[in-house]
Amino acid sequence: MENIKITIDEVLRNIEQMADKFYQQKQNEGYSLLVPTIDTLVHITDYLSNVDQTNQISEYNILIMNLLKDASEALIIKDGVLLADILKYDISDVLKHLLEIEI
């Protein structure tokens, strides 16, 4: 359980760094941080799918997956700022809530 919380803390820091790159119009640097960030988010959702699920955890997992779909749409239209907003504000908020509950 503590390992996943460490992973969530790390991905929150990565999201912050990546979003800053996109906001500074450093697209290449932002995209270079995107793949490991998405990989970690997928790892987190896989973990949440495999733990003894409560409705609350399941809802968070579904929310993250839906937000990742939104992020992929921003990626398709090459909107780095929208992508950064989704990751920094929406997904990060969900992850912060996960840190507050028993996983």
PDB file of N, CA and C in Angstrom:
ATOM      1  N   MET A   1       0.819  -1.188   0.000  1.00  0.00           N
ATOM      2  CA  MET A   1       0.000   0.000   0.000  1.00  0.00           C
ATOM      3  C   MET A   1       0.868   1.260   0.000  1.00  0.00           C
ATOM      4  N   GLU A   2       1.924   1.267   0.812  1.00  0.00           N
ATOM      5  CA  GLU A   2       2.790   2.443   0.867  1.00  0.00           C
ATOM      6  C   GLU A   2       3.521   2.655  -0.452  1.00  0.00           C
ATOM      7  N   ASN A   3       3.868   1.548  -1.141  1.00  0.00           N
ATOM      8  CA  ASN A   3       4.556   1.687  -2.419  1.00  0.00           C
ATOM      9  C   ASN A   3       3.709   2.438  -3.433  1.00  0.00           C
ATOM     10  N   ILE A   4       2.427   2.172  -3.468  1.00  0.00           N
ATOM     11  CA  ILE A   4       1.568   2.860  -4.434  1.00  0.00           C
ATOM     12  C   ILE A   4       1.455   4.339  -4.076  1.00  0.00           C
ATOM     13  N   LYS A   5       1.473   4.653  -2.794  1.00  0.00           N
ATOM     14  CA  LYS A   5       1.423   6.063  -2.394  1.00  0.00           C
ATOM     15  C   LYS A   5       2.713   6.786  -2.785  1.00  0.00           C
ATOM     16  N   ILE A   6       3.841   6.087  -2.693  1.00  0.00           N
ATOM     17  CA  ILE A   6       5.112   6.659  -3.154  1.00  0.00           C
ATOM     18  C   ILE A   6       5.051   6.890  -4.659  1.00  0.00           C
ATOM     19  N   THR A   7       4.508   5.915  -5.374  1.00  0.00           N
ATOM     20  CA  THR A   7       4.364   6.036  -6.825  1.00  0.00           C
ATOM     21  C   THR A   7       3.468   7.218  -7.183  1.00  0.00           C
ATOM     22  N   ILE A   8       2.381   7.389  -6.447  1.00  0.00           N
ATOM     23  CA  ILE A   8       1.476   8.517  -6.700  1.00  0.00           C
ATOM     24  C   ILE A   8       2.198   9.837  -6.445  1.00  0.00           C
ATOM     25  N   ASP A   9       2.961   9.924  -5.361  1.00  0.00           N
ATOM     26  CA  ASP A   9       3.731  11.146  -5.085  1.00  0.00           C
ATOM     27  C   ASP A   9       4.694  11.453  -6.227  1.00  0.00           C
ATOM     28  N   GLU A  10       5.369  10.422  -6.719  1.00  0.00           N
ATOM     29  CA  GLU A  10       6.330  10.610  -7.809  1.00  0.00           C
ATOM     30  C   GLU A  10       5.643  11.090  -9.082  1.00  0.00           C
ATOM     31  N   VAL A  11       4.517  10.481  -9.413  1.00  0.00           N
ATOM     32  CA  VAL A  11       3.832  10.883 -10.646  1.00  0.00           C
ATOM     33  C   VAL A  11       3.265  12.294 -10.512  1.00  0.00           C
ATOM     34  N   LEU A  12       2.868  12.691  -9.327  1.00  0.00           N
ATOM     35  CA  LEU A  12       2.408  14.068  -9.124  1.00  0.00           C
ATOM     36  C   LEU A  12       3.533  15.064  -9.406  1.00  0.00           C
ATOM     37  N   ARG A  13       4.731  14.748  -8.957  1.00  0.00           N
ATOM     38  CA  ARG A  13       5.887  15.613  -9.249  1.00  0.00           C
ATOM     39  C   ARG A  13       6.178  15.632 -10.752  1.00  0.00           C
ATOM     40  N   ASN A  14       6.105  14.469 -11.388  1.00  0.00           N
ATOM     41  CA  ASN A  14       6.359  14.389 -12.828  1.00  0.00           C
ATOM     42  C   ASN A  14       5.326  15.188 -13.621  1.00  0.00           C
ATOM     43  N   ILE A  15       4.080  15.100 -13.206  1.00  0.00           N
ATOM     44  CA  ILE A  15       3.021  15.857 -13.883  1.00  0.00           C
ATOM     45  C   ILE A  15       3.297  17.352 -13.771  1.00  0.00           C
ATOM     46  N   GLU A  16       3.701  17.791 -12.603  1.00  0.00           N
ATOM     47  CA  GLU A  16       4.005  19.210 -12.385  1.00  0.00           C
ATOM     48  C   GLU A  16       5.127  19.668 -13.320  1.00  0.00           C
ATOM     49  N   GLN A  17       6.197  18.877 -13.402  1.00  0.00           N
ATOM     50  CA  GLN A  17       7.322  19.219 -14.281  1.00  0.00           C
ATOM     51  C   GLN A  17       6.893  19.243 -15.743  1.00  0.00           C
ATOM     52  N   MET A  18       6.139  18.230 -16.147  1.00  0.00           N
ATOM     53  CA  MET A  18       5.700  18.135 -17.530  1.00  0.00           C
ATOM     54  C   MET A  18       4.780  19.300 -17.886  1.00  0.00           C
ATOM     55  N   ALA A  19       3.837  19.598 -17.023  1.00  0.00           N
ATOM     56  CA  ALA A  19       2.910  20.703 -17.280  1.00  0.00           C
ATOM     57  C   ALA A  19       3.668  22.017 -17.423  1.00  0.00           C
ATOM     58  N   ASP A  20       4.654  22.232 -16.572  1.00  0.00           N
ATOM     59  CA  ASP A  20       5.452  23.454 -16.668  1.00  0.00           C
ATOM     60  C   ASP A  20       6.123  23.571 -18.029  1.00  0.00           C
ATOM     61  N   LYS A  21       6.614  22.459 -18.563  1.00  0.00           N
ATOM     62  CA  LYS A  21       7.256  22.476 -19.886  1.00  0.00           C
ATOM     63  C   LYS A  21       6.250  22.885 -20.957  1.00  0.00           C
ATOM     64  N   PHE A  22       5.052  22.326 -20.901  1.00  0.00           N
ATOM     65  CA  PHE A  22       4.037  22.687 -21.891  1.00  0.00           C
ATOM     66  C   PHE A  22       3.628  24.149 -21.749  1.00  0.00           C
ATOM     67  N   TYR A  23       3.486  24.631 -20.532  1.00  0.00           N
ATOM     68  CA  TYR A  23       3.100  26.026 -20.321  1.00  0.00           C
ATOM     69  C   TYR A  23       4.181  26.988 -20.811  1.00  0.00           C
ATOM     70  N   GLN A  24       5.432  26.545 -20.761  1.00  0.00           N
ATOM     71  CA  GLN A  24       6.551  27.361 -21.237  1.00  0.00           C
ATOM     72  C   GLN A  24       6.774  27.201 -22.742  1.00  0.00           C
ATOM     73  N   GLN A  25       5.858  26.483 -23.404  1.00  0.00           N
ATOM     74  CA  GLN A  25       5.944  26.205 -24.836  1.00  0.00           C
ATOM     75  C   GLN A  25       7.174  25.377 -25.206  1.00  0.00           C
ATOM     76  N   LYS A  26       7.660  24.586 -24.265  1.00  0.00           N
ATOM     77  CA  LYS A  26       8.764  23.655 -24.516  1.00  0.00           C
ATOM     78  C   LYS A  26       8.148  22.288 -24.803  1.00  0.00           C
ATOM     79  N   GLN A  27       7.478  22.211 -25.960  1.00  0.00           N
ATOM     80  CA  GLN A  27       6.690  21.037 -26.316  1.00  0.00           C
ATOM     81  C   GLN A  27       7.513  19.750 -26.316  1.00  0.00           C
ATOM     82  N   ASN A  28       8.697  19.780 -26.940  1.00  0.00           N
ATOM     83  CA  ASN A  28       9.505  18.556 -27.023  1.00  0.00           C
ATOM     84  C   ASN A  28       9.877  18.036 -25.641  1.00  0.00           C
ATOM     85  N   GLU A  29      10.243  18.945 -24.744  1.00  0.00           N
ATOM     86  CA  GLU A  29      10.583  18.530 -23.384  1.00  0.00           C
ATOM     87  C   GLU A  29       9.347  17.989 -22.658  1.00  0.00           C
ATOM     88  N   GLY A  30       8.213  18.619 -22.878  1.00  0.00           N
ATOM     89  CA  GLY A  30       6.970  18.148 -22.267  1.00  0.00           C
ATOM     90  C   GLY A  30       6.598  16.767 -22.751  1.00  0.00           C
ATOM     91  N   TYR A  31       6.684  16.569 -24.072  1.00  0.00           N
ATOM     92  CA  TYR A  31       6.346  15.256 -24.628  1.00  0.00           C
ATOM     93  C   TYR A  31       7.325  14.180 -24.174  1.00  0.00           C
ATOM     94  N   SER A  32       8.582  14.552 -23.953  1.00  0.00           N
ATOM     95  CA  SER A  32       9.558  13.548 -23.494  1.00  0.00           C
ATOM     96  C   SER A  32       9.227  13.044 -22.086  1.00  0.00           C
ATOM     97  N   LEU A  33       8.554  13.852 -21.301  1.00  0.00           N
ATOM     98  CA  LEU A  33       8.144  13.448 -19.953  1.00  0.00           C
ATOM     99  C   LEU A  33       6.784  12.747 -19.949  1.00  0.00           C
ATOM    100  N   LEU A  34       6.078  12.831 -21.059  1.00  0.00           N
ATOM    101  CA  LEU A  34       4.716  12.305 -21.119  1.00  0.00           C
ATOM    102  C   LEU A  34       4.656  10.783 -21.039  1.00  0.00           C
ATOM    103  N   VAL A  35       5.491  10.092 -21.816  1.00  0.00           N
ATOM    104  CA  VAL A  35       5.409   8.626 -21.869  1.00  0.00           C
ATOM    105  C   VAL A  35       5.636   7.989 -20.496  1.00  0.00           C
ATOM    106  N   PRO A  36       6.708   8.346 -19.774  1.00  0.00           N
ATOM    107  CA  PRO A  36       6.856   7.732 -18.447  1.00  0.00           C
ATOM    108  C   PRO A  36       5.724   8.108 -17.484  1.00  0.00           C
ATOM    109  N   THR A  37       5.185   9.297 -17.636  1.00  0.00           N
ATOM    110  CA  THR A  37       4.075   9.715 -16.779  1.00  0.00           C
ATOM    111  C   THR A  37       2.831   8.882 -17.066  1.00  0.00           C
ATOM    112  N   ILE A  38       2.515   8.703 -18.331  1.00  0.00           N
ATOM    113  CA  ILE A  38       1.351   7.889 -18.705  1.00  0.00           C
ATOM    114  C   ILE A  38       1.561   6.442 -18.272  1.00  0.00           C
ATOM    115  N   ASP A  39       2.779   5.921 -18.465  1.00  0.00           N
ATOM    116  CA  ASP A  39       3.074   4.547 -18.031  1.00  0.00           C
ATOM    117  C   ASP A  39       2.808   4.380 -16.537  1.00  0.00           C
ATOM    118  N   THR A  40       3.227   5.356 -15.756  1.00  0.00           N
ATOM    119  CA  THR A  40       3.019   5.287 -14.307  1.00  0.00           C
ATOM    120  C   THR A  40       1.534   5.383 -13.970  1.00  0.00           C
ATOM    121  N   LEU A  41       0.804   6.235 -14.667  1.00  0.00           N
ATOM    122  CA  LEU A  41      -0.640   6.336 -14.432  1.00  0.00           C
ATOM    123  C   LEU A  41      -1.341   5.021 -14.764  1.00  0.00           C
ATOM    124  N   VAL A  42      -0.910   4.355 -15.821  1.00  0.00           N
ATOM    125  CA  VAL A  42      -1.484   3.052 -16.171  1.00  0.00           C
ATOM    126  C   VAL A  42      -1.159   2.039 -15.076  1.00  0.00           C
ATOM    127  N   HIS A  43       0.067   2.085 -14.554  1.00  0.00           N
ATOM    128  CA  HIS A  43       0.453   1.199 -13.448  1.00  0.00           C
ATOM    129  C   HIS A  43      -0.465   1.432 -12.239  1.00  0.00           C
ATOM    130  N   ILE A  44      -0.742   2.680 -11.939  1.00  0.00           N
ATOM    131  CA  ILE A  44      -1.611   3.014 -10.805  1.00  0.00           C
ATOM    132  C   ILE A  44      -3.020   2.476 -11.044  1.00  0.00           C
ATOM    133  N   THR A  45      -3.555   2.660 -12.248  1.00  0.00           N
ATOM    134  CA  THR A  45      -4.908   2.156 -12.520  1.00  0.00           C
ATOM    135  C   THR A  45      -4.942   0.633 -12.489  1.00  0.00           C
ATOM    136  N   ASP A  46      -3.875  -0.014 -12.953  1.00  0.00           N
ATOM    137  CA  ASP A  46      -3.802  -1.482 -12.862  1.00  0.00           C
ATOM    138  C   ASP A  46      -3.815  -1.920 -11.402  1.00  0.00           C
ATOM    139  N   TYR A  47      -3.041  -1.230 -10.578  1.00  0.00           N
ATOM    140  CA  TYR A  47      -2.997  -1.551  -9.150  1.00  0.00           C
ATOM    141  C   TYR A  47      -4.387  -1.395  -8.532  1.00  0.00           C
ATOM    142  N   LEU A  48      -5.039  -0.283  -8.840  1.00  0.00           N
ATOM    143  CA  LEU A  48      -6.367  -0.033  -8.275  1.00  0.00           C
ATOM    144  C   LEU A  48      -7.369  -1.088  -8.724  1.00  0.00           C
ATOM    145  N   SER A  49      -7.207  -1.591  -9.929  1.00  0.00           N
ATOM    146  CA  SER A  49      -8.107  -2.636 -10.433  1.00  0.00           C
ATOM    147  C   SER A  49      -7.911  -3.950  -9.705  1.00  0.00           C
ATOM    148  N   ASN A  50      -6.701  -4.172  -9.194  1.00  0.00           N
ATOM    149  CA  ASN A  50      -6.374  -5.458  -8.577  1.00  0.00           C
ATOM    150  C   ASN A  50      -6.525  -5.493  -7.063  1.00  0.00           C
ATOM    151  N   VAL A  51      -6.648  -4.339  -6.432  1.00  0.00           N
ATOM    152  CA  VAL A  51      -6.814  -4.341  -4.978  1.00  0.00           C
ATOM    153  C   VAL A  51      -8.264  -4.643  -4.635  1.00  0.00           C
ATOM    154  N   ASP A  52      -8.488  -4.993  -3.380  1.00  0.00           N
ATOM    155  CA  ASP A  52      -9.858  -5.219  -2.913  1.00  0.00           C
ATOM    156  C   ASP A  52     -10.622  -3.913  -3.076  1.00  0.00           C
ATOM    157  N   GLN A  53     -11.489  -3.888  -4.045  1.00  0.00           N
ATOM    158  CA  GLN A  53     -12.126  -2.641  -4.448  1.00  0.00           C
ATOM    159  C   GLN A  53     -13.320  -2.278  -3.570  1.00  0.00           C
ATOM    160  N   THR A  54     -13.333  -1.042  -3.183  1.00  0.00           N
ATOM    161  CA  THR A  54     -14.555  -0.471  -2.630  1.00  0.00           C
ATOM    162  C   THR A  54     -15.159   0.351  -3.756  1.00  0.00           C
ATOM    163  N   ASN A  55     -16.378   0.736  -3.604  1.00  0.00           N
ATOM    164  CA  ASN A  55     -16.993   1.573  -4.638  1.00  0.00           C
ATOM    165  C   ASN A  55     -16.218   2.865  -4.836  1.00  0.00           C
ATOM    166  N   GLN A  56     -15.670   3.398  -3.749  1.00  0.00           N
ATOM    167  CA  GLN A  56     -14.943   4.657  -3.828  1.00  0.00           C
ATOM    168  C   GLN A  56     -13.685   4.501  -4.677  1.00  0.00           C
ATOM    169  N   ILE A  57     -12.907   3.462  -4.443  1.00  0.00           N
ATOM    170  CA  ILE A  57     -11.687   3.243  -5.213  1.00  0.00           C
ATOM    171  C   ILE A  57     -12.033   2.973  -6.670  1.00  0.00           C
ATOM    172  N   SER A  58     -13.057   2.199  -6.898  1.00  0.00           N
ATOM    173  CA  SER A  58     -13.497   1.908  -8.260  1.00  0.00           C
ATOM    174  C   SER A  58     -13.877   3.193  -8.994  1.00  0.00           C
ATOM    175  N   GLU A  59     -14.555   4.084  -8.311  1.00  0.00           N
ATOM    176  CA  GLU A  59     -14.942   5.358  -8.921  1.00  0.00           C
ATOM    177  C   GLU A  59     -13.721   6.190  -9.281  1.00  0.00           C
ATOM    178  N   TYR A  60     -12.717   6.212  -8.407  1.00  0.00           N
ATOM    179  CA  TYR A  60     -11.486   6.941  -8.712  1.00  0.00           C
ATOM    180  C   TYR A  60     -10.797   6.344  -9.933  1.00  0.00           C
ATOM    181  N   ASN A  61     -10.759   5.030 -10.001  1.00  0.00           N
ATOM    182  CA  ASN A  61     -10.116   4.363 -11.122  1.00  0.00           C
ATOM    183  C   ASN A  61     -10.821   4.705 -12.435  1.00  0.00           C
ATOM    184  N   ILE A  62     -12.135   4.651 -12.431  1.00  0.00           N
ATOM    185  CA  ILE A  62     -12.909   4.994 -13.629  1.00  0.00           C
ATOM    186  C   ILE A  62     -12.673   6.454 -14.011  1.00  0.00           C
ATOM    187  N   LEU A  63     -12.621   7.320 -13.024  1.00  0.00           N
ATOM    188  CA  LEU A  63     -12.386   8.736 -13.282  1.00  0.00           C
ATOM    189  C   LEU A  63     -11.016   8.957 -13.924  1.00  0.00           C
ATOM    190  N   ILE A  64      -9.989   8.299 -13.398  1.00  0.00           N
ATOM    191  CA  ILE A  64      -8.652   8.424 -13.988  1.00  0.00           C
ATOM    192  C   ILE A  64      -8.665   7.940 -15.434  1.00  0.00           C
ATOM    193  N   MET A  65      -9.297   6.805 -15.683  1.00  0.00           N
ATOM    194  CA  MET A  65      -9.344   6.264 -17.046  1.00  0.00           C
ATOM    195  C   MET A  65     -10.064   7.229 -17.997  1.00  0.00           C
ATOM    196  N   ASN A  66     -11.149   7.812 -17.560  1.00  0.00           N
ATOM    197  CA  ASN A  66     -11.868   8.780 -18.399  1.00  0.00           C
ATOM    198  C   ASN A  66     -11.027  10.029 -18.655  1.00  0.00           C
ATOM    199  N   LEU A  67     -10.310  10.477 -17.638  1.00  0.00           N
ATOM    200  CA  LEU A  67      -9.449  11.644 -17.813  1.00  0.00           C
ATOM    201  C   LEU A  67      -8.275  11.332 -18.735  1.00  0.00           C
ATOM    202  N   LEU A  68      -7.775  10.102 -18.694  1.00  0.00           N
ATOM    203  CA  LEU A  68      -6.717   9.708 -19.626  1.00  0.00           C
ATOM    204  C   LEU A  68      -7.228   9.717 -21.065  1.00  0.00           C
ATOM    205  N   LYS A  69      -8.489   9.365 -21.257  1.00  0.00           N
ATOM    206  CA  LYS A  69      -9.087   9.461 -22.598  1.00  0.00           C
ATOM    207  C   LYS A  69      -9.127  10.920 -23.045  1.00  0.00           C
ATOM    208  N   ASP A  70      -9.510  11.808 -22.136  1.00  0.00           N
ATOM    209  CA  ASP A  70      -9.514  13.238 -22.462  1.00  0.00           C
ATOM    210  C   ASP A  70      -8.104  13.714 -22.809  1.00  0.00           C
ATOM    211  N   ALA A  71      -7.126  13.237 -22.046  1.00  0.00           N
ATOM    212  CA  ALA A  71      -5.736  13.610 -22.304  1.00  0.00           C
ATOM    213  C   ALA A  71      -5.289  13.109 -23.675  1.00  0.00           C
ATOM    214  N   SER A  72      -5.707  11.908 -24.039  1.00  0.00           N
ATOM    215  CA  SER A  72      -5.314  11.380 -25.350  1.00  0.00           C
ATOM    216  C   SER A  72      -5.953  12.189 -26.476  1.00  0.00           C
ATOM    217  N   GLU A  73      -7.163  12.693 -26.259  1.00  0.00           N
ATOM    218  CA  GLU A  73      -7.792  13.557 -27.260  1.00  0.00           C
ATOM    219  C   GLU A  73      -7.017  14.860 -27.412  1.00  0.00           C
ATOM    220  N   ALA A  74      -6.547  15.423 -26.308  1.00  0.00           N
ATOM    221  CA  ALA A  74      -5.723  16.631 -26.374  1.00  0.00           C
ATOM    222  C   ALA A  74      -4.416  16.336 -27.101  1.00  0.00           C
ATOM    223  N   LEU A  75      -3.885  15.164 -26.880  1.00  0.00           N
ATOM    224  CA  LEU A  75      -2.653  14.750 -27.550  1.00  0.00           C
ATOM    225  C   LEU A  75      -2.879  14.626 -29.056  1.00  0.00           C
ATOM    226  N   ILE A  76      -4.002  14.055 -29.441  1.00  0.00           N
ATOM    227  CA  ILE A  76      -4.321  13.876 -30.867  1.00  0.00           C
ATOM    228  C   ILE A  76      -4.407  15.218 -31.585  1.00  0.00           C
ATOM    229  N   ILE A  77      -5.002  16.205 -30.931  1.00  0.00           N
ATOM    230  CA  ILE A  77      -5.118  17.519 -31.578  1.00  0.00           C
ATOM    231  C   ILE A  77      -3.894  18.403 -31.304  1.00  0.00           C
ATOM    232  N   LYS A  78      -2.893  17.822 -30.664  1.00  0.00           N
ATOM    233  CA  LYS A  78      -1.611  18.494 -30.393  1.00  0.00           C
ATOM    234  C   LYS A  78      -1.784  19.781 -29.595  1.00  0.00           C
ATOM    235  N   ASP A  79      -2.622  19.703 -28.575  1.00  0.00           N
ATOM    236  CA  ASP A  79      -2.853  20.841 -27.690  1.00  0.00           C
ATOM    237  C   ASP A  79      -2.143  20.572 -26.367  1.00  0.00           C
ATOM    238  N   GLY A  80      -0.879  20.977 -26.294  1.00  0.00           N
ATOM    239  CA  GLY A  80      -0.065  20.722 -25.116  1.00  0.00           C
ATOM    240  C   GLY A  80      -0.587  21.393 -23.861  1.00  0.00           C
ATOM    241  N   VAL A  81      -1.148  22.583 -24.005  1.00  0.00           N
ATOM    242  CA  VAL A  81      -1.661  23.302 -22.834  1.00  0.00           C
ATOM    243  C   VAL A  81      -2.890  22.586 -22.273  1.00  0.00           C
ATOM    244  N   LEU A  82      -3.791  22.153 -23.140  1.00  0.00           N
ATOM    245  CA  LEU A  82      -4.963  21.399 -22.677  1.00  0.00           C
ATOM    246  C   LEU A  82      -4.526  20.093 -22.017  1.00  0.00           C
ATOM    247  N   LEU A  83      -3.575  19.422 -22.631  1.00  0.00           N
ATOM    248  CA  LEU A  83      -3.037  18.184 -22.059  1.00  0.00           C
ATOM    249  C   LEU A  83      -2.467  18.446 -20.670  1.00  0.00           C
ATOM    250  N   ALA A  84      -1.678  19.506 -20.552  1.00  0.00           N
ATOM    251  CA  ALA A  84      -1.094  19.865 -19.257  1.00  0.00           C
ATOM    252  C   ALA A  84      -2.177  20.184 -18.232  1.00  0.00           C
ATOM    253  N   ASP A  85      -3.206  20.913 -18.647  1.00  0.00           N
ATOM    254  CA  ASP A  85      -4.307  21.245 -17.732  1.00  0.00           C
ATOM    255  C   ASP A  85      -5.003  19.988 -17.216  1.00  0.00           C
ATOM    256  N   ILE A  86      -5.281  19.052 -18.114  1.00  0.00           N
ATOM    257  CA  ILE A  86      -5.962  17.813 -17.716  1.00  0.00           C
ATOM    258  C   ILE A  86      -5.113  17.045 -16.715  1.00  0.00           C
ATOM    259  N   LEU A  87      -3.826  16.939 -17.005  1.00  0.00           N
ATOM    260  CA  LEU A  87      -2.940  16.194 -16.108  1.00  0.00           C
ATOM    261  C   LEU A  87      -2.724  16.932 -14.790  1.00  0.00           C
ATOM    262  N   LYS A  88      -2.424  18.220 -14.882  1.00  0.00           N
ATOM    263  CA  LYS A  88      -2.054  18.977 -13.682  1.00  0.00           C
ATOM    264  C   LYS A  88      -3.232  19.235 -12.748  1.00  0.00           C
ATOM    265  N   TYR A  89      -4.382  19.514 -13.311  1.00  0.00           N
ATOM    266  CA  TYR A  89      -5.509  19.877 -12.459  1.00  0.00           C
ATOM    267  C   TYR A  89      -6.479  18.718 -12.234  1.00  0.00           C
ATOM    268  N   ASP A  90      -6.888  18.055 -13.287  1.00  0.00           N
ATOM    269  CA  ASP A  90      -7.909  17.014 -13.144  1.00  0.00           C
ATOM    270  C   ASP A  90      -7.339  15.713 -12.584  1.00  0.00           C
ATOM    271  N   ILE A  91      -6.359  15.158 -13.277  1.00  0.00           N
ATOM    272  CA  ILE A  91      -5.799  13.875 -12.832  1.00  0.00           C
ATOM    273  C   ILE A  91      -5.072  14.037 -11.502  1.00  0.00           C
ATOM    274  N   SER A  92      -4.326  15.110 -11.344  1.00  0.00           N
ATOM    275  CA  SER A  92      -3.616  15.329 -10.073  1.00  0.00           C
ATOM    276  C   SER A  92      -4.579  15.421  -8.896  1.00  0.00           C
ATOM    277  N   ASP A  93      -5.718  16.071  -9.099  1.00  0.00           N
ATOM    278  CA  ASP A  93      -6.709  16.162  -8.018  1.00  0.00           C
ATOM    279  C   ASP A  93      -7.200  14.782  -7.599  1.00  0.00           C
ATOM    280  N   VAL A  94      -7.465  13.920  -8.573  1.00  0.00           N
ATOM    281  CA  VAL A  94      -7.912  12.561  -8.261  1.00  0.00           C
ATOM    282  C   VAL A  94      -6.820  11.819  -7.495  1.00  0.00           C
ATOM    283  N   LEU A  95      -5.579  11.953  -7.952  1.00  0.00           N
ATOM    284  CA  LEU A  95      -4.468  11.267  -7.281  1.00  0.00           C
ATOM    285  C   LEU A  95      -4.289  11.770  -5.851  1.00  0.00           C
ATOM    286  N   LYS A  96      -4.444  13.057  -5.643  1.00  0.00           N
ATOM    287  CA  LYS A  96      -4.325  13.616  -4.290  1.00  0.00           C
ATOM    288  C   LYS A  96      -5.416  13.069  -3.370  1.00  0.00           C
ATOM    289  N   HIS A  97      -6.613  12.890  -3.902  1.00  0.00           N
ATOM    290  CA  HIS A  97      -7.690  12.286  -3.106  1.00  0.00           C
ATOM    291  C   HIS A  97      -7.352  10.834  -2.763  1.00  0.00           C
ATOM    292  N   LEU A  98      -6.737  10.125  -3.700  1.00  0.00           N
ATOM    293  CA  LEU A  98      -6.349   8.734  -3.434  1.00  0.00           C
ATOM    294  C   LEU A  98      -5.338   8.646  -2.292  1.00  0.00           C
ATOM    295  N   LEU A  99      -4.467   9.640  -2.192  1.00  0.00           N
ATOM    296  CA  LEU A  99      -3.480   9.644  -1.109  1.00  0.00           C
ATOM    297  C   LEU A  99      -4.143   9.775   0.260  1.00  0.00           C
ATOM    298  N   GLU A 100      -5.330  10.349   0.288  1.00  0.00           N
ATOM    299  CA  GLU A 100      -6.021  10.593   1.555  1.00  0.00           C
ATOM    300  C   GLU A 100      -6.843   9.407   2.045  1.00  0.00           C
ATOM    301  N   ILE A 101      -7.066   8.420   1.183  1.00  0.00           N
ATOM    302  CA  ILE A 101      -7.889   7.276   1.580  1.00  0.00           C
ATOM    303  C   ILE A 101      -7.023   6.033   1.704  1.00  0.00           C
ATOM    304  N   GLU A 102      -7.565   5.025   2.343  1.00  0.00           N
ATOM    305  CA  GLU A 102      -6.879   3.739   2.451  1.00  0.00           C
ATOM    306  C   GLU A 102      -6.997   3.006   1.131  1.00  0.00           C
ATOM    307  N   ILE A 103      -5.859   2.691   0.558  1.00  0.00           N
ATOM    308  CA  ILE A 103      -5.857   1.932  -0.700  1.00  0.00           C
ATOM    309  C   ILE A 103      -5.392   0.528  -0.391  1.00  0.00           C
TER     310      ILE A 103
END
